Amino acid sequence: MSAISENSREAIHTQNNGNDEKEKQSSSKKRVRLRLIPIWLRVIMVTVLFLLSTTVGAAIGYGVLGSGKVSEVFYKSTWTHVVDLVEHE
């Protein structure tokens, strides 16, 4: 049994040495990534684009598809009416 464990130890040792050499090579070739747009700015941009697309979608849906006035989509009374319609059914 000791011969098997010695052989397995040698095999593991040679595998680790191979991995260490690969890590050394990859660490010397690692590039520093320069972000053109910081992450905090990306989060703000995604939030603004989401709000803009939701507003435009509601305006098109209410004004064009619903045959109402586009400006009425921004009134509070319009949304309370929509909520009342949904809750009653």
C-alpha atoms as a PDB file:
ATOM      1  CA  MET A   1       0.000   0.000   0.000  1.00  0.00           C
ATOM      2  CA  SER A   2       2.819   2.380   0.646  1.00  0.00           C
ATOM      3  CA  ALA A   3       3.966   1.999  -2.971  1.00  0.00           C
ATOM      4  CA  ILE A   4       0.546   3.060  -4.209  1.00  0.00           C
ATOM      5  CA  SER A   5       0.402   6.064  -1.942  1.00  0.00           C
ATOM      6  CA  GLU A   6       3.962   7.084  -2.903  1.00  0.00           C
ATOM      7  CA  ASN A   7       3.069   6.839  -6.598  1.00  0.00           C
ATOM      8  CA  SER A   8      -0.109   8.852  -6.097  1.00  0.00           C
ATOM      9  CA  ARG A   9       1.809  11.476  -4.121  1.00  0.00           C
ATOM     10  CA  GLU A  10       4.338  11.801  -6.925  1.00  0.00           C
ATOM     11  CA  ALA A  11       1.569  12.090  -9.496  1.00  0.00           C
ATOM     12  CA  ILE A  12      -0.165  14.788  -7.478  1.00  0.00           C
ATOM     13  CA  HIS A  13       3.125  16.605  -6.966  1.00  0.00           C
ATOM     14  CA  THR A  14       3.878  16.615 -10.702  1.00  0.00           C
ATOM     15  CA  GLN A  15       0.341  17.811 -11.462  1.00  0.00           C
ATOM     16  CA  ASN A  16       0.708  20.657  -8.974  1.00  0.00           C
ATOM     17  CA  ASN A  17       4.060  21.653 -10.456  1.00  0.00           C
ATOM     18  CA  GLY A  18       2.492  21.758 -13.914  1.00  0.00           C
ATOM     19  CA  ASN A  19      -0.355  23.931 -12.619  1.00  0.00           C
ATOM     20  CA  ASP A  20       2.073  26.245 -10.833  1.00  0.00           C
ATOM     21  CA  GLU A  21       4.026  26.788 -14.038  1.00  0.00           C
ATOM     22  CA  LYS A  22       0.817  27.534 -15.941  1.00  0.00           C
ATOM     23  CA  GLU A  23      -0.274  29.987 -13.254  1.00  0.00           C
ATOM     24  CA  LYS A  24       3.072  31.749 -13.400  1.00  0.00           C
ATOM     25  CA  GLN A  25       2.829  32.076 -17.167  1.00  0.00           C
ATOM     26  CA  SER A  26      -0.758  33.304 -17.077  1.00  0.00           C
ATOM     27  CA  SER A  27      -0.075  35.780 -14.277  1.00  0.00           C
ATOM     28  CA  SER A  28       2.822  37.296 -16.195  1.00  0.00           C
ATOM     29  CA  LYS A  29       0.592  37.668 -19.272  1.00  0.00           C
ATOM     30  CA  LYS A  30      -2.409  39.087 -17.381  1.00  0.00           C
ATOM     31  CA  ARG A  31      -3.669  42.341 -18.795  1.00  0.00           C
ATOM     32  CA  VAL A  32      -5.132  45.098 -16.741  1.00  0.00           C
ATOM     33  CA  ARG A  33      -8.660  45.806 -17.941  1.00  0.00           C
ATOM     34  CA  LEU A  34      -9.487  49.448 -18.352  1.00  0.00           C
ATOM     35  CA  ARG A  35     -13.224  50.098 -18.221  1.00  0.00           C
ATOM     36  CA  LEU A  36     -14.381  52.853 -20.546  1.00  0.00           C
ATOM     37  CA  ILE A  37     -17.670  53.249 -18.664  1.00  0.00           C
ATOM     38  CA  PRO A  38     -17.557  52.733 -14.878  1.00  0.00           C
ATOM     39  CA  ILE A  39     -20.012  50.298 -13.327  1.00  0.00           C
ATOM     40  CA  TRP A  40     -21.854  52.976 -11.322  1.00  0.00           C
ATOM     41  CA  LEU A  41     -22.461  54.917 -14.524  1.00  0.00           C
ATOM     42  CA  ARG A  42     -23.726  51.772 -16.249  1.00  0.00           C
ATOM     43  CA  VAL A  43     -26.268  51.224 -13.461  1.00  0.00           C
ATOM     44  CA  ILE A  44     -27.507  54.809 -13.793  1.00  0.00           C
ATOM     45  CA  MET A  45     -27.699  54.509 -17.583  1.00  0.00           C
ATOM     46  CA  VAL A  46     -29.692  51.271 -17.420  1.00  0.00           C
ATOM     47  CA  THR A  47     -32.095  52.787 -14.880  1.00  0.00           C
ATOM     48  CA  VAL A  48     -32.648  55.908 -16.985  1.00  0.00           C
ATOM     49  CA  LEU A  49     -33.146  53.873 -20.152  1.00  0.00           C
ATOM     50  CA  PHE A  50     -35.634  51.616 -18.346  1.00  0.00           C
ATOM     51  CA  LEU A  51     -37.675  54.572 -17.098  1.00  0.00           C
ATOM     52  CA  LEU A  52     -37.564  56.232 -20.524  1.00  0.00           C
ATOM     53  CA  SER A  53     -38.695  53.105 -22.356  1.00  0.00           C
ATOM     54  CA  THR A  54     -41.501  52.525 -19.837  1.00  0.00           C
ATOM     55  CA  THR A  55     -42.744  56.095 -20.259  1.00  0.00           C
ATOM     56  CA  VAL A  56     -42.587  55.972 -24.051  1.00  0.00           C
ATOM     57  CA  GLY A  57     -44.288  52.568 -24.073  1.00  0.00           C
ATOM     58  CA  ALA A  58     -47.120  53.791 -21.856  1.00  0.00           C
ATOM     59  CA  ALA A  59     -47.573  56.909 -23.999  1.00  0.00           C
ATOM     60  CA  ILE A  60     -47.704  54.893 -27.218  1.00  0.00           C
ATOM     61  CA  GLY A  61     -49.956  52.270 -25.691  1.00  0.00           C
ATOM     62  CA  TYR A  62     -52.434  54.758 -24.265  1.00  0.00           C
ATOM     63  CA  GLY A  63     -52.246  57.397 -26.976  1.00  0.00           C
ATOM     64  CA  VAL A  64     -51.931  55.384 -30.168  1.00  0.00           C
ATOM     65  CA  LEU A  65     -53.343  51.949 -29.389  1.00  0.00           C
ATOM     66  CA  GLY A  66     -55.918  53.158 -26.871  1.00  0.00           C
ATOM     67  CA  SER A  67     -56.996  56.103 -29.021  1.00  0.00           C
ATOM     68  CA  GLY A  68     -56.615  58.599 -26.176  1.00  0.00           C
ATOM     69  CA  LYS A  69     -54.527  61.711 -25.922  1.00  0.00           C
ATOM     70  CA  VAL A  70     -50.847  61.015 -25.407  1.00  0.00           C
ATOM     71  CA  SER A  71     -50.557  63.730 -22.749  1.00  0.00           C
ATOM     72  CA  GLU A  72     -53.287  62.090 -20.639  1.00  0.00           C
ATOM     73  CA  VAL A  73     -50.987  59.190 -19.820  1.00  0.00           C
ATOM     74  CA  PHE A  74     -49.188  61.457 -17.335  1.00  0.00           C
ATOM     75  CA  TYR A  75     -52.318  62.394 -15.341  1.00  0.00           C
ATOM     76  CA  LYS A  76     -52.934  60.738 -11.988  1.00  0.00           C
ATOM     77  CA  SER A  77     -56.662  60.409 -12.733  1.00  0.00           C
ATOM     78  CA  THR A  78     -55.883  58.207 -15.723  1.00  0.00           C
ATOM     79  CA  TRP A  79     -53.969  55.715 -13.609  1.00  0.00           C
ATOM     80  CA  THR A  80     -56.542  55.675 -10.802  1.00  0.00           C
ATOM     81  CA  HIS A  81     -59.173  54.889 -13.448  1.00  0.00           C
ATOM     82  CA  VAL A  82     -57.014  52.054 -14.832  1.00  0.00           C
ATOM     83  CA  VAL A  83     -56.456  50.632 -11.332  1.00  0.00           C
ATOM     84  CA  ASP A  84     -60.213  50.841 -10.610  1.00  0.00           C
ATOM     85  CA  LEU A  85     -60.950  48.929 -13.812  1.00  0.00           C
ATOM     86  CA  VAL A  86     -58.472  46.197 -12.927  1.00  0.00           C
ATOM     87  CA  GLU A  87     -59.660  45.837  -9.319  1.00  0.00           C
ATOM     88  CA  HIS A  88     -63.370  45.610 -10.143  1.00  0.00           C
ATOM     89  CA  GLU A  89     -63.000  42.649 -12.458  1.00  0.00           C
END
